[in-house]
Amino acid sequence: MTISELLQESRTIAVVGLSGNRLRPSHGVAEYMMEQGFRIIPVNPNETEILGERSYASLEEIPERVDIVNIFRRPEFVPALVESAIRIGAKCVWMQEGVVHEAAAERARAAGLLVVMDRCILKEHRRLAMR
């Protein structure tokens, strides 16, 4: 599956590390993707609501299907997040710019997930002129 196909076929993005602070990159990216018609689910145990959506403490707490797990966390947190993404049946683990973890990426691929690493989902969406 290509990035273009992923973005065309996906509807729900869980944004891990989404900040309620409008100045943080995660907030701007999530807001943009929401404006493009994606369902954004915040995953941040320190927030109760972001962008009008309930924030969950973990991926496993989300009561609906997630297509893309978009990670805005430091690389050392990625392996556990990949395991969570596998458990919830996500299609893709997307690590934002600056987030690289080769071993976790290989684990995700081995479990059948698409992996996008060190790339911005907003920039890719704009580049592909989606929707």
Protein backbone atom coordinates (compact mmCIF):
# COMPACT_ATOMS: atom_id res chain seq x y z
CA MET A 1 0.00 0.00 0.00
CA THR A 2 1.33 3.44 -0.92
CA ILE A 3 1.03 6.59 1.18
CA SER A 4 -1.47 7.93 -1.34
CA GLU A 5 -3.64 4.81 -1.04
CA LEU A 6 -3.36 4.90 2.75
CA LEU A 7 -4.53 8.51 2.93
CA GLN A 8 -7.37 7.86 0.46
CA GLU A 9 -8.63 4.75 2.27
CA SER A 10 -8.17 5.88 5.88
CA ARG A 11 -10.67 7.84 7.94
CA THR A 12 -9.50 7.67 11.55
CA ILE A 13 -6.16 8.87 12.89
CA ALA A 14 -5.12 8.41 16.52
CA VAL A 15 -2.57 11.13 17.26
CA VAL A 16 -0.28 9.97 20.07
CA GLY A 17 1.25 12.91 21.88
CA LEU A 18 -1.29 15.41 20.56
CA SER A 19 -0.91 18.61 22.55
CA GLY A 20 -3.65 20.98 23.55
CA ASN A 21 -1.14 23.80 23.00
CA ARG A 22 -1.98 25.41 19.65
CA LEU A 23 1.69 26.33 19.15
CA ARG A 24 2.87 22.70 19.14
CA PRO A 25 3.37 20.97 15.77
CA SER A 26 1.11 18.08 16.76
CA HIS A 27 -1.80 20.47 17.26
CA GLY A 28 -1.39 22.15 13.88
CA VAL A 29 -0.99 18.85 12.05
CA ALA A 30 -4.03 17.29 13.74
CA GLU A 31 -6.14 20.39 13.12
CA TYR A 32 -5.20 20.35 9.42
CA MET A 33 -6.00 16.65 9.03
CA MET A 34 -9.33 17.20 10.80
CA GLU A 35 -10.12 20.02 8.35
CA GLN A 36 -9.39 17.57 5.52
CA GLY A 37 -12.13 15.27 6.77
CA PHE A 38 -10.21 12.83 8.95
CA ARG A 39 -11.52 11.75 12.36
CA ILE A 40 -8.82 12.73 14.86
CA ILE A 41 -8.59 10.91 18.17
CA PRO A 42 -6.17 12.49 20.66
CA VAL A 43 -4.01 10.14 22.74
CA ASN A 44 -2.49 12.05 25.63
CA PRO A 45 -2.99 11.03 29.28
CA ASN A 46 -2.41 14.64 30.39
CA GLU A 47 -5.36 16.07 28.45
CA THR A 48 -9.10 15.44 28.67
CA GLU A 49 -10.12 17.06 25.40
CA ILE A 50 -8.27 18.47 22.39
CA LEU A 51 -9.81 19.99 19.25
CA GLY A 52 -13.24 19.17 20.63
CA GLU A 53 -12.45 15.45 20.87
CA ARG A 54 -12.07 13.33 23.99
CA SER A 55 -8.43 12.49 24.70
CA TYR A 56 -7.54 8.92 25.67
CA ALA A 57 -4.65 7.82 27.87
CA SER A 58 -3.71 4.94 25.55
CA LEU A 59 -4.50 3.47 22.15
CA GLU A 60 -6.19 0.49 23.81
CA GLU A 61 -8.79 2.77 25.43
CA ILE A 62 -10.11 4.04 22.08
CA PRO A 63 -13.55 2.46 21.53
CA GLU A 64 -13.48 2.59 17.73
CA ARG A 65 -11.36 1.36 14.84
CA VAL A 66 -8.17 3.31 14.14
CA ASP A 67 -6.62 3.32 10.68
CA ILE A 68 -3.44 5.32 11.33
CA VAL A 69 -1.48 5.71 14.55
CA ASN A 70 0.35 9.02 14.11
CA ILE A 71 3.21 9.28 16.62
CA PHE A 72 4.43 12.60 18.05
CA ARG A 73 6.60 11.06 20.77
CA ARG A 74 10.34 10.59 21.21
CA PRO A 75 11.81 7.45 19.62
CA GLU A 76 12.25 5.63 22.93
CA PHE A 77 8.44 5.47 23.27
CA VAL A 78 7.88 4.01 19.80
CA PRO A 79 8.33 0.25 20.53
CA ALA A 80 5.51 0.20 23.10
CA LEU A 81 3.31 2.28 20.79
CA VAL A 82 3.93 -0.14 17.92
CA GLU A 83 2.84 -3.03 20.15
CA SER A 84 -0.32 -1.11 21.02
CA ALA A 85 -0.97 -0.34 17.34
CA ILE A 86 -0.65 -4.04 16.54
CA ARG A 87 -3.05 -4.96 19.37
CA ILE A 88 -5.75 -2.55 18.19
CA GLY A 89 -5.47 -3.64 14.56
CA ALA A 90 -4.30 -0.35 13.05
CA LYS A 91 -3.34 -0.32 9.36
CA CYS A 92 -0.37 1.99 9.76
CA VAL A 93 2.15 3.40 12.20
CA TRP A 94 3.18 6.88 11.09
CA MET A 95 6.18 8.40 12.86
CA GLN A 96 6.38 12.16 12.39
CA GLU A 97 9.50 14.01 11.26
CA GLY A 98 12.39 13.38 13.61
CA VAL A 99 10.88 10.15 14.97
CA VAL A 100 12.92 7.14 13.86
CA HIS A 101 13.07 3.66 15.38
CA GLU A 102 14.19 0.97 12.93
CA ALA A 103 13.59 -2.04 15.20
CA ALA A 104 10.05 -0.92 16.04
CA ALA A 105 9.38 -0.25 12.36
CA GLU A 106 10.52 -3.77 11.48
CA ARG A 107 8.27 -5.21 14.21
CA ALA A 108 5.30 -3.29 12.79
CA ARG A 109 6.04 -4.44 9.24
CA ALA A 110 6.37 -8.04 10.40
CA ALA A 111 2.88 -7.73 11.94
CA GLY A 112 1.49 -6.48 8.62
CA LEU A 113 1.33 -2.74 9.32
CA LEU A 114 2.42 -0.10 6.86
CA VAL A 115 5.21 2.01 8.36
CA VAL A 116 5.92 5.63 7.50
CA MET A 117 8.88 7.02 9.39
CA ASP A 118 10.43 10.49 9.75
CA ARG A 119 7.76 12.12 7.55
CA CYS A 120 5.03 14.66 8.24
CA ILE A 121 1.51 13.46 7.44
CA LEU A 122 0.37 17.05 6.74
CA LYS A 123 3.21 17.61 4.25
CA GLU A 124 2.53 14.27 2.56
CA HIS A 125 -1.19 15.04 2.33
CA ARG A 126 -0.48 18.44 0.79
CA ARG A 127 2.17 17.02 -1.55
CA LEU A 128 -0.26 14.45 -2.87
CA ALA A 129 -3.01 17.12 -3.13
CA MET A 130 -5.42 14.71 -1.50
CA ARG A 131 -9.21 15.05 -1.24
